[in-house]
All heavy atoms as atom14 arrays in JSON, in Angstrom:
{
  "sequence": "VLEYTDRIILVNDGATDDTASILQRFPQLTVITHPLNEGKGMALRH",
  "atom14_mask": [
    [1, 1, 1, 1, 1, 1, 1, 0, 0, 0, 0, 0, 0, 0],
    [1, 1, 1, 1, 1, 1, 1, 1, 0, 0, 0, 0, 0, 0],
    [1, 1, 1, 1, 1, 1, 1, 1, 1, 0, 0, 0, 0, 0],
    [1, 1, 1, 1, 1, 1, 1, 1, 1, 1, 1, 1, 0, 0],
    [1, 1, 1, 1, 1, 1, 1, 0, 0, 0, 0, 0, 0, 0],
    [1, 1, 1, 1, 1, 1, 1, 1, 0, 0, 0, 0, 0, 0],
    [1, 1, 1, 1, 1, 1, 1, 1, 1, 1, 1, 0, 0, 0],
    [1, 1, 1, 1, 1, 1, 1, 1, 0, 0, 0, 0, 0, 0],
    [1, 1, 1, 1, 1, 1, 1, 1, 0, 0, 0, 0, 0, 0],
    [1, 1, 1, 1, 1, 1, 1, 1, 0, 0, 0, 0, 0, 0],
    [1, 1, 1, 1, 1, 1, 1, 0, 0, 0, 0, 0, 0, 0],
    [1, 1, 1, 1, 1, 1, 1, 1, 0, 0, 0, 0, 0, 0],
    [1, 1, 1, 1, 1, 1, 1, 1, 0, 0, 0, 0, 0, 0],
    [1, 1, 1, 1, 0, 0, 0, 0, 0, 0, 0, 0, 0, 0],
    [1, 1, 1, 1, 1, 0, 0, 0, 0, 0, 0, 0, 0, 0],
    [1, 1, 1, 1, 1, 1, 1, 0, 0, 0, 0, 0, 0, 0],
    [1, 1, 1, 1, 1, 1, 1, 1, 0, 0, 0, 0, 0, 0],
    [1, 1, 1, 1, 1, 1, 1, 1, 0, 0, 0, 0, 0, 0],
    [1, 1, 1, 1, 1, 1, 1, 0, 0, 0, 0, 0, 0, 0],
    [1, 1, 1, 1, 1, 0, 0, 0, 0, 0, 0, 0, 0, 0],
    [1, 1, 1, 1, 1, 1, 0, 0, 0, 0, 0, 0, 0, 0],
    [1, 1, 1, 1, 1, 1, 1, 1, 0, 0, 0, 0, 0, 0],
    [1, 1, 1, 1, 1, 1, 1, 1, 0, 0, 0, 0, 0, 0],
    [1, 1, 1, 1, 1, 1, 1, 1, 1, 0, 0, 0, 0, 0],
    [1, 1, 1, 1, 1, 1, 1, 1, 1, 1, 1, 0, 0, 0],
    [1, 1, 1, 1, 1, 1, 1, 1, 1, 1, 1, 0, 0, 0],
    [1, 1, 1, 1, 1, 1, 1, 0, 0, 0, 0, 0, 0, 0],
    [1, 1, 1, 1, 1, 1, 1, 1, 1, 0, 0, 0, 0, 0],
    [1, 1, 1, 1, 1, 1, 1, 1, 0, 0, 0, 0, 0, 0],
    [1, 1, 1, 1, 1, 1, 1, 0, 0, 0, 0, 0, 0, 0],
    [1, 1, 1, 1, 1, 1, 1, 0, 0, 0, 0, 0, 0, 0],
    [1, 1, 1, 1, 1, 1, 1, 1, 0, 0, 0, 0, 0, 0],
    [1, 1, 1, 1, 1, 1, 1, 0, 0, 0, 0, 0, 0, 0],
    [1, 1, 1, 1, 1, 1, 1, 1, 1, 1, 0, 0, 0, 0],
    [1, 1, 1, 1, 1, 1, 1, 0, 0, 0, 0, 0, 0, 0],
    [1, 1, 1, 1, 1, 1, 1, 1, 0, 0, 0, 0, 0, 0],
    [1, 1, 1, 1, 1, 1, 1, 1, 0, 0, 0, 0, 0, 0],
    [1, 1, 1, 1, 1, 1, 1, 1, 1, 0, 0, 0, 0, 0],
    [1, 1, 1, 1, 0, 0, 0, 0, 0, 0, 0, 0, 0, 0],
    [1, 1, 1, 1, 1, 1, 1, 1, 1, 0, 0, 0, 0, 0],
    [1, 1, 1, 1, 0, 0, 0, 0, 0, 0, 0, 0, 0, 0],
    [1, 1, 1, 1, 1, 1, 1, 1, 0, 0, 0, 0, 0, 0],
    [1, 1, 1, 1, 1, 0, 0, 0, 0, 0, 0, 0, 0, 0],
    [1, 1, 1, 1, 1, 1, 1, 1, 0, 0, 0, 0, 0, 0],
    [1, 1, 1, 1, 1, 1, 1, 1, 1, 1, 1, 0, 0, 0],
    [1, 1, 1, 1, 1, 1, 1, 1, 1, 1, 0, 0, 0, 0]
  ],
  "atom14_positions": [
    [[-11.58, -6.5, 0.04], [-10.59, -7.58, 0.09], [-10.62, -8.25, 1.47], [-10.54, -9.47, 1.58], [-9.18, -7.06, -0.26], [-8.14, -8.15, -0.05], [-9.13, -6.56, -1.69], [0.0, 0.0, 0.0], [0.0, 0.0, 0.0], [0.0, 0.0, 0.0], [0.0, 0.0, 0.0], [0.0, 0.0, 0.0], [0.0, 0.0, 0.0], [0.0, 0.0, 0.0]],
    [[-10.78, -7.46, 2.53], [-10.81, -8.01, 3.89], [-12.0, -8.94, 4.11], [-11.98, -9.76, 5.03], [-10.8, -6.89, 4.92], [-9.45, -6.21, 5.12], [-9.6, -4.94, 5.97], [-8.43, -7.17, 5.74], [0.0, 0.0, 0.0], [0.0, 0.0, 0.0], [0.0, 0.0, 0.0], [0.0, 0.0, 0.0], [0.0, 0.0, 0.0], [0.0, 0.0, 0.0]],
    [[-13.03, -8.84, 3.29], [-14.14, -9.77, 3.4], [-13.71, -11.19, 3.01], [-14.36, -12.16, 3.37], [-15.3, -9.34, 2.5], [-16.02, -8.11, 2.98], [-17.19, -7.74, 2.09], [-17.72, -8.63, 1.38], [-17.56, -6.55, 2.08], [0.0, 0.0, 0.0], [0.0, 0.0, 0.0], [0.0, 0.0, 0.0], [0.0, 0.0, 0.0], [0.0, 0.0, 0.0]],
    [[-12.61, -11.29, 2.27], [-12.12, -12.59, 1.78], [-10.85, -13.05, 2.47], [-10.64, -14.24, 2.65], [-11.88, -12.52, 0.27], [-13.16, -12.28, -0.49], [-13.61, -10.99, -0.74], [-13.94, -13.34, -0.93], [-14.8, -10.76, -1.4], [-15.13, -13.13, -1.6], [-15.55, -11.83, -1.83], [-16.74, -11.62, -2.49], [0.0, 0.0, 0.0], [0.0, 0.0, 0.0]],
    [[-9.98, -12.11, 2.81], [-8.71, -12.48, 3.44], [-8.07, -11.26, 4.08], [-8.31, -10.12, 3.65], [-7.73, -13.1, 2.41], [-6.56, -13.56, 3.09], [-7.33, -12.1, 1.34], [0.0, 0.0, 0.0], [0.0, 0.0, 0.0], [0.0, 0.0, 0.0], [0.0, 0.0, 0.0], [0.0, 0.0, 0.0], [0.0, 0.0, 0.0], [0.0, 0.0, 0.0]],
    [[-7.24, -11.53, 5.1], [-6.44, -10.46, 5.67], [-4.98, -10.62, 5.27], [-4.1, -9.92, 5.77], [-6.58, -10.42, 7.2], [-6.11, -11.7, 7.87], [-5.74, -12.67, 7.16], [-6.11, -11.74, 9.11], [0.0, 0.0, 0.0], [0.0, 0.0, 0.0], [0.0, 0.0, 0.0], [0.0, 0.0, 0.0], [0.0, 0.0, 0.0], [0.0, 0.0, 0.0]],
    [[-4.73, -11.52, 4.34], [-3.37, -11.76, 3.83], [-3.1, -10.77, 2.7], [-3.13, -11.13, 1.54], [-3.26, -13.21, 3.38], [-3.51, -14.2, 4.53], [-3.78, -15.61, 4.06], [-2.69, -16.19, 3.32], [-1.72, -16.94, 3.86], [-1.72, -17.18, 5.15], [-0.77, -17.43, 3.11], [0.0, 0.0, 0.0], [0.0, 0.0, 0.0], [0.0, 0.0, 0.0]],
    [[-2.86, -9.52, 3.08], [-2.79, -8.42, 2.12], [-1.45, -7.7, 2.24], [-1.03, -7.32, 3.33], [-3.93, -7.41, 2.36], [-5.29, -8.09, 2.25], [-3.83, -6.23, 1.39], [-6.45, -7.23, 2.72], [0.0, 0.0, 0.0], [0.0, 0.0, 0.0], [0.0, 0.0, 0.0], [0.0, 0.0, 0.0], [0.0, 0.0, 0.0], [0.0, 0.0, 0.0]],
    [[-0.83, -7.5, 1.09], [0.36, -6.66, 0.98], [-0.05, -5.48, 0.11], [-0.56, -5.68, -1.0], [1.53, -7.41, 0.34], [1.94, -8.61, 1.2], [2.72, -6.46, 0.11], [2.91, -9.55, 0.54], [0.0, 0.0, 0.0], [0.0, 0.0, 0.0], [0.0, 0.0, 0.0], [0.0, 0.0, 0.0], [0.0, 0.0, 0.0], [0.0, 0.0, 0.0]],
    [[0.14, -4.27, 0.6], [-0.21, -3.08, -0.16], [1.04, -2.25, -0.36], [1.78, -2.01, 0.59], [-1.28, -2.28, 0.58], [-1.89, -1.16, -0.25], [-3.37, -1.07, -0.01], [-1.2, 0.16, -0.02], [0.0, 0.0, 0.0], [0.0, 0.0, 0.0], [0.0, 0.0, 0.0], [0.0, 0.0, 0.0], [0.0, 0.0, 0.0], [0.0, 0.0, 0.0]],
    [[1.27, -1.83, -1.59], [2.41, -0.98, -1.9], [1.9, 0.41, -2.23], [1.22, 0.61, -3.24], [3.25, -1.54, -3.07], [4.45, -0.62, -3.34], [3.73, -2.95, -2.77], [0.0, 0.0, 0.0], [0.0, 0.0, 0.0], [0.0, 0.0, 0.0], [0.0, 0.0, 0.0], [0.0, 0.0, 0.0], [0.0, 0.0, 0.0], [0.0, 0.0, 0.0]],
    [[2.2, 1.36, -1.34], [1.9, 2.77, -1.57], [3.06, 3.32, -2.4], [4.14, 3.55, -1.89], [1.77, 3.51, -0.24], [1.58, 4.99, -0.42], [1.58, 5.51, -1.54], [1.45, 5.69, 0.69], [0.0, 0.0, 0.0], [0.0, 0.0, 0.0], [0.0, 0.0, 0.0], [0.0, 0.0, 0.0], [0.0, 0.0, 0.0], [0.0, 0.0, 0.0]],
    [[2.8, 3.51, -3.67], [3.85, 3.9, -4.6], [4.03, 5.42, -4.68], [3.86, 6.04, -5.72], [3.57, 3.32, -5.99], [4.74, 3.49, -6.94], [5.88, 3.58, -6.47], [4.5, 3.54, -8.16], [0.0, 0.0, 0.0], [0.0, 0.0, 0.0], [0.0, 0.0, 0.0], [0.0, 0.0, 0.0], [0.0, 0.0, 0.0], [0.0, 0.0, 0.0]],
    [[4.32, 6.03, -3.52], [4.6, 7.46, -3.48], [3.37, 8.33, -3.64], [3.47, 9.45, -4.16], [0.0, 0.0, 0.0], [0.0, 0.0, 0.0], [0.0, 0.0, 0.0], [0.0, 0.0, 0.0], [0.0, 0.0, 0.0], [0.0, 0.0, 0.0], [0.0, 0.0, 0.0], [0.0, 0.0, 0.0], [0.0, 0.0, 0.0], [0.0, 0.0, 0.0]],
    [[2.23, 7.86, -3.19], [0.99, 8.62, -3.34], [1.09, 9.98, -2.66], [1.68, 10.11, -1.58], [-0.19, 7.83, -2.78], [0.0, 0.0, 0.0], [0.0, 0.0, 0.0], [0.0, 0.0, 0.0], [0.0, 0.0, 0.0], [0.0, 0.0, 0.0], [0.0, 0.0, 0.0], [0.0, 0.0, 0.0], [0.0, 0.0, 0.0], [0.0, 0.0, 0.0]],
    [[0.5, 10.98, -3.3], [0.5, 12.34, -2.76], [-0.9, 12.78, -2.32], [-1.1, 13.94, -1.96], [1.03, 13.33, -3.82], [0.23, 13.23, -5.0], [2.48, 13.03, -4.15], [0.0, 0.0, 0.0], [0.0, 0.0, 0.0], [0.0, 0.0, 0.0], [0.0, 0.0, 0.0], [0.0, 0.0, 0.0], [0.0, 0.0, 0.0], [0.0, 0.0, 0.0]],
    [[-1.86, 11.86, -2.34], [-3.22, 12.15, -1.9], [-3.39, 11.65, -0.45], [-2.44, 11.61, 0.3], [-4.25, 11.55, -2.87], [-4.14, 10.04, -2.98], [-3.33, 9.42, -2.24], [-4.87, 9.46, -3.79], [0.0, 0.0, 0.0], [0.0, 0.0, 0.0], [0.0, 0.0, 0.0], [0.0, 0.0, 0.0], [0.0, 0.0, 0.0], [0.0, 0.0, 0.0]],
    [[-4.59, 11.26, -0.07], [-4.86, 10.82, 1.31], [-4.57, 9.34, 1.55], [-5.0, 8.79, 2.57], [-6.33, 11.1, 1.65], [-6.62, 12.58, 1.79], [-5.68, 13.34, 2.12], [-7.78, 12.98, 1.55], [0.0, 0.0, 0.0], [0.0, 0.0, 0.0], [0.0, 0.0, 0.0], [0.0, 0.0, 0.0], [0.0, 0.0, 0.0], [0.0, 0.0, 0.0]],
    [[-3.85, 8.69, 0.66], [-3.57, 7.26, 0.79], [-2.95, 6.92, 2.14], [-3.38, 5.98, 2.81], [-2.66, 6.78, -0.36], [-3.41, 6.88, -1.59], [-2.2, 5.36, -0.17], [0.0, 0.0, 0.0], [0.0, 0.0, 0.0], [0.0, 0.0, 0.0], [0.0, 0.0, 0.0], [0.0, 0.0, 0.0], [0.0, 0.0, 0.0], [0.0, 0.0, 0.0]],
    [[-1.93, 7.66, 2.57], [-1.24, 7.34, 3.83], [-2.19, 7.37, 5.02], [-2.14, 6.49, 5.88], [-0.07, 8.3, 4.04], [0.0, 0.0, 0.0], [0.0, 0.0, 0.0], [0.0, 0.0, 0.0], [0.0, 0.0, 0.0], [0.0, 0.0, 0.0], [0.0, 0.0, 0.0], [0.0, 0.0, 0.0], [0.0, 0.0, 0.0], [0.0, 0.0, 0.0]],
    [[-3.07, 8.37, 5.08], [-4.01, 8.44, 6.21], [-5.03, 7.31, 6.16], [-5.43, 6.79, 7.21], [-4.7, 9.8, 6.27], [-5.49, 10.02, 5.13], [0.0, 0.0, 0.0], [0.0, 0.0, 0.0], [0.0, 0.0, 0.0], [0.0, 0.0, 0.0], [0.0, 0.0, 0.0], [0.0, 0.0, 0.0], [0.0, 0.0, 0.0], [0.0, 0.0, 0.0]],
    [[-5.43, 6.9, 4.98], [-6.34, 5.76, 4.84], [-5.66, 4.49, 5.34], [-6.25, 3.7, 6.08], [-6.8, 5.6, 3.37], [-7.72, 6.76, 2.98], [-7.5, 4.25, 3.16], [-8.0, 6.86, 1.51], [0.0, 0.0, 0.0], [0.0, 0.0, 0.0], [0.0, 0.0, 0.0], [0.0, 0.0, 0.0], [0.0, 0.0, 0.0], [0.0, 0.0, 0.0]],
    [[-4.41, 4.3, 4.97], [-3.7, 3.08, 5.36], [-3.5, 2.98, 6.86], [-3.41, 1.87, 7.4], [-2.36, 2.99, 4.62], [-2.48, 2.83, 3.11], [-1.11, 2.8, 2.46], [-3.29, 1.59, 2.75], [0.0, 0.0, 0.0], [0.0, 0.0, 0.0], [0.0, 0.0, 0.0], [0.0, 0.0, 0.0], [0.0, 0.0, 0.0], [0.0, 0.0, 0.0]],
    [[-3.45, 4.11, 7.56], [-3.31, 4.09, 9.01], [-4.51, 3.42, 9.68], [-4.4, 2.94, 10.8], [-3.11, 5.5, 9.55], [-1.76, 6.08, 9.2], [-1.6, 7.52, 9.68], [-2.56, 8.16, 10.12], [-0.39, 8.02, 9.59], [0.0, 0.0, 0.0], [0.0, 0.0, 0.0], [0.0, 0.0, 0.0], [0.0, 0.0, 0.0], [0.0, 0.0, 0.0]],
    [[-5.64, 3.37, 9.0], [-6.85, 2.75, 9.55], [-6.82, 1.23, 9.42], [-7.73, 0.56, 9.91], [-8.09, 3.29, 8.83], [-8.29, 4.76, 9.02], [-9.51, 5.25, 8.26], [-9.22, 6.6, 7.81], [-9.68, 7.15, 6.7], [-10.47, 6.47, 5.9], [-9.36, 8.38, 6.38], [0.0, 0.0, 0.0], [0.0, 0.0, 0.0], [0.0, 0.0, 0.0]],
    [[-5.79, 0.68, 8.77], [-5.71, -0.75, 8.52], [-4.37, -1.32, 9.01], [-3.52, -1.71, 8.2], [-5.89, -1.03, 7.03], [-7.23, -0.62, 6.49], [-7.39, 0.62, 5.88], [-8.34, -1.45, 6.62], [-8.63, 1.02, 5.39], [-9.58, -1.06, 6.14], [-9.73, 0.17, 5.52], [0.0, 0.0, 0.0], [0.0, 0.0, 0.0], [0.0, 0.0, 0.0]],
    [[-4.18, -1.39, 10.32], [-2.89, -1.86, 10.84], [-2.61, -3.33, 10.53], [-1.47, -3.77, 10.62], [-3.01, -1.62, 12.35], [-4.48, -1.61, 12.62], [-5.12, -1.05, 11.38], [0.0, 0.0, 0.0], [0.0, 0.0, 0.0], [0.0, 0.0, 0.0], [0.0, 0.0, 0.0], [0.0, 0.0, 0.0], [0.0, 0.0, 0.0], [0.0, 0.0, 0.0]],
    [[-3.64, -4.09, 10.14], [-3.45, -5.51, 9.84], [-2.8, -5.76, 8.48], [-2.38, -6.86, 8.17], [-4.78, -6.27, 9.95], [-5.8, -5.94, 8.86], [-6.72, -4.77, 9.19], [-6.26, -3.72, 9.61], [-8.02, -4.96, 8.98], [0.0, 0.0, 0.0], [0.0, 0.0, 0.0], [0.0, 0.0, 0.0], [0.0, 0.0, 0.0], [0.0, 0.0, 0.0]],
    [[-2.67, -4.72, 7.66], [-2.05, -4.87, 6.34], [-0.54, -4.82, 6.45], [0.02, -4.14, 7.3], [-2.49, -3.73, 5.4], [-3.98, -3.5, 5.18], [-4.18, -2.36, 4.18], [-4.67, -4.76, 4.7], [0.0, 0.0, 0.0], [0.0, 0.0, 0.0], [0.0, 0.0, 0.0], [0.0, 0.0, 0.0], [0.0, 0.0, 0.0], [0.0, 0.0, 0.0]],
    [[0.11, -5.52, 5.54], [1.55, -5.33, 5.34], [1.68, -4.21, 4.32], [1.21, -4.35, 3.18], [2.21, -6.61, 4.8], [2.03, -7.65, 5.76], [3.68, -6.39, 4.51], [0.0, 0.0, 0.0], [0.0, 0.0, 0.0], [0.0, 0.0, 0.0], [0.0, 0.0, 0.0], [0.0, 0.0, 0.0], [0.0, 0.0, 0.0], [0.0, 0.0, 0.0]],
    [[2.27, -3.09, 4.72], [2.36, -1.92, 3.84], [3.83, -1.64, 3.51], [4.67, -1.56, 4.4], [1.71, -0.68, 4.47], [1.9, 0.55, 3.58], [0.23, -0.92, 4.73], [0.0, 0.0, 0.0], [0.0, 0.0, 0.0], [0.0, 0.0, 0.0], [0.0, 0.0, 0.0], [0.0, 0.0, 0.0], [0.0, 0.0, 0.0], [0.0, 0.0, 0.0]],
    [[4.08, -1.49, 2.24], [5.38, -1.05, 1.74], [5.16, 0.34, 1.19], [4.23, 0.56, 0.4], [5.9, -1.98, 0.62], [6.06, -3.41, 1.15], [7.2, -1.44, 0.03], [6.25, -4.43, 0.05], [0.0, 0.0, 0.0], [0.0, 0.0, 0.0], [0.0, 0.0, 0.0], [0.0, 0.0, 0.0], [0.0, 0.0, 0.0], [0.0, 0.0, 0.0]],
    [[5.99, 1.29, 1.59], [5.82, 2.67, 1.13], [7.03, 3.12, 0.34], [8.15, 3.07, 0.84], [5.58, 3.61, 2.32], [4.41, 3.18, 3.02], [5.39, 5.04, 1.85], [0.0, 0.0, 0.0], [0.0, 0.0, 0.0], [0.0, 0.0, 0.0], [0.0, 0.0, 0.0], [0.0, 0.0, 0.0], [0.0, 0.0, 0.0], [0.0, 0.0, 0.0]],
    [[6.79, 3.53, -0.89], [7.83, 4.18, -1.69], [7.71, 5.68, -1.42], [6.63, 6.25, -1.6], [7.6, 3.94, -3.18], [7.76, 2.52, -3.61], [7.35, 2.07, -4.84], [8.29, 1.44, -2.99], [7.63, 0.8, -4.96], [8.19, 0.39, -3.84], [0.0, 0.0, 0.0], [0.0, 0.0, 0.0], [0.0, 0.0, 0.0], [0.0, 0.0, 0.0]],
    [[8.8, 6.33, -1.01], [8.72, 7.78, -0.75], [8.33, 8.58, -2.01], [7.62, 9.57, -1.91], [10.12, 8.16, -0.3], [10.76, 6.87, 0.11], [10.1, 5.79, -0.68], [0.0, 0.0, 0.0], [0.0, 0.0, 0.0], [0.0, 0.0, 0.0], [0.0, 0.0, 0.0], [0.0, 0.0, 0.0], [0.0, 0.0, 0.0], [0.0, 0.0, 0.0]],
    [[8.78, 8.11, -3.15], [8.44, 8.74, -4.44], [7.85, 7.67, -5.35], [8.16, 6.49, -5.21], [9.69, 9.33, -5.09], [10.43, 10.41, -4.3], [11.74, 10.77, -4.99], [9.55, 11.65, -4.14], [0.0, 0.0, 0.0], [0.0, 0.0, 0.0], [0.0, 0.0, 0.0], [0.0, 0.0, 0.0], [0.0, 0.0, 0.0], [0.0, 0.0, 0.0]],
    [[7.05, 8.11, -6.31], [6.44, 7.19, -7.26], [7.52, 6.51, -8.1], [8.34, 7.18, -8.73], [5.47, 7.96, -8.16], [4.79, 7.06, -9.16], [5.17, 7.03, -10.31], [3.8, 6.33, -8.71], [0.0, 0.0, 0.0], [0.0, 0.0, 0.0], [0.0, 0.0, 0.0], [0.0, 0.0, 0.0], [0.0, 0.0, 0.0], [0.0, 0.0, 0.0]],
    [[7.54, 5.18, -8.08], [8.51, 4.4, -8.85], [7.86, 3.65, -10.0], [8.54, 2.96, -10.75], [9.24, 3.42, -7.93], [10.06, 4.09, -6.85], [10.81, 3.1, -5.99], [11.26, 2.06, -6.5], [10.97, 3.38, -4.78], [0.0, 0.0, 0.0], [0.0, 0.0, 0.0], [0.0, 0.0, 0.0], [0.0, 0.0, 0.0], [0.0, 0.0, 0.0]],
    [[6.54, 3.73, -10.11], [5.82, 3.05, -11.18], [5.24, 1.73, -10.72], [5.72, 1.1, -9.78], [0.0, 0.0, 0.0], [0.0, 0.0, 0.0], [0.0, 0.0, 0.0], [0.0, 0.0, 0.0], [0.0, 0.0, 0.0], [0.0, 0.0, 0.0], [0.0, 0.0, 0.0], [0.0, 0.0, 0.0], [0.0, 0.0, 0.0], [0.0, 0.0, 0.0]],
    [[4.19, 1.31, -11.41], [3.48, 0.1, -11.03], [4.37, -1.14, -11.1], [4.27, -2.02, -10.25], [2.24, -0.08, -11.92], [1.38, -1.25, -11.5], [0.13, -1.33, -12.34], [-0.74, -2.48, -11.93], [-1.96, -2.55, -12.77], [0.0, 0.0, 0.0], [0.0, 0.0, 0.0], [0.0, 0.0, 0.0], [0.0, 0.0, 0.0], [0.0, 0.0, 0.0]],
    [[5.23, -1.2, -12.1], [6.12, -2.36, -12.23], [6.99, -2.54, -11.0], [7.15, -3.66, -10.5], [0.0, 0.0, 0.0], [0.0, 0.0, 0.0], [0.0, 0.0, 0.0], [0.0, 0.0, 0.0], [0.0, 0.0, 0.0], [0.0, 0.0, 0.0], [0.0, 0.0, 0.0], [0.0, 0.0, 0.0], [0.0, 0.0, 0.0], [0.0, 0.0, 0.0]],
    [[7.56, -1.46, -10.51], [8.42, -1.55, -9.32], [7.58, -1.85, -8.08], [8.02, -2.6, -7.2], [9.22, -0.27, -9.15], [10.36, -0.41, -8.17], [11.54, -1.72, -8.57], [12.43, -0.97, -9.91], [0.0, 0.0, 0.0], [0.0, 0.0, 0.0], [0.0, 0.0, 0.0], [0.0, 0.0, 0.0], [0.0, 0.0, 0.0], [0.0, 0.0, 0.0]],
    [[6.38, -1.28, -8.01], [5.49, -1.58, -6.88], [5.17, -3.08, -6.86], [5.21, -3.72, -5.8], [4.21, -0.76, -6.98], [0.0, 0.0, 0.0], [0.0, 0.0, 0.0], [0.0, 0.0, 0.0], [0.0, 0.0, 0.0], [0.0, 0.0, 0.0], [0.0, 0.0, 0.0], [0.0, 0.0, 0.0], [0.0, 0.0, 0.0], [0.0, 0.0, 0.0]],
    [[4.87, -3.64, -8.01], [4.6, -5.08, -8.08], [5.85, -5.88, -7.7], [5.76, -6.86, -6.95], [4.12, -5.47, -9.48], [2.72, -5.0, -9.85], [2.45, -5.24, -11.32], [1.66, -5.68, -8.98], [0.0, 0.0, 0.0], [0.0, 0.0, 0.0], [0.0, 0.0, 0.0], [0.0, 0.0, 0.0], [0.0, 0.0, 0.0], [0.0, 0.0, 0.0]],
    [[6.97, -5.48, -8.21], [8.22, -6.19, -7.92], [8.5, -6.23, -6.42], [8.82, -7.28, -5.86], [9.36, -5.49, -8.66], [10.64, -6.22, -8.67], [11.6, -5.46, -9.54], [12.78, -6.24, -9.78], [13.76, -5.88, -10.55], [13.71, -4.74, -11.21], [14.8, -6.64, -10.71], [0.0, 0.0, 0.0], [0.0, 0.0, 0.0], [0.0, 0.0, 0.0]],
    [[8.36, -5.09, -5.75], [8.59, -5.05, -4.31], [7.52, -5.85, -3.56], [7.81, -6.5, -2.55], [8.65, -3.61, -3.81], [9.88, -2.9, -4.26], [9.93, -1.54, -4.43], [11.11, -3.35, -4.6], [11.13, -1.19, -4.84], [11.87, -2.28, -4.95], [0.0, 0.0, 0.0], [0.0, 0.0, 0.0], [0.0, 0.0, 0.0], [0.0, 0.0, 0.0]]
  ]
}
């Protein structure tokens, strides 16, 4: 995605894998983090 734009909003919907550590490598992203999984619909809404 960064090859095309840096205008990125990413919603971490309560991931329990290595998602958080991966996102730390991309400080240019706007990241919204749900502490617990709320579902894709809520992630999209936020």
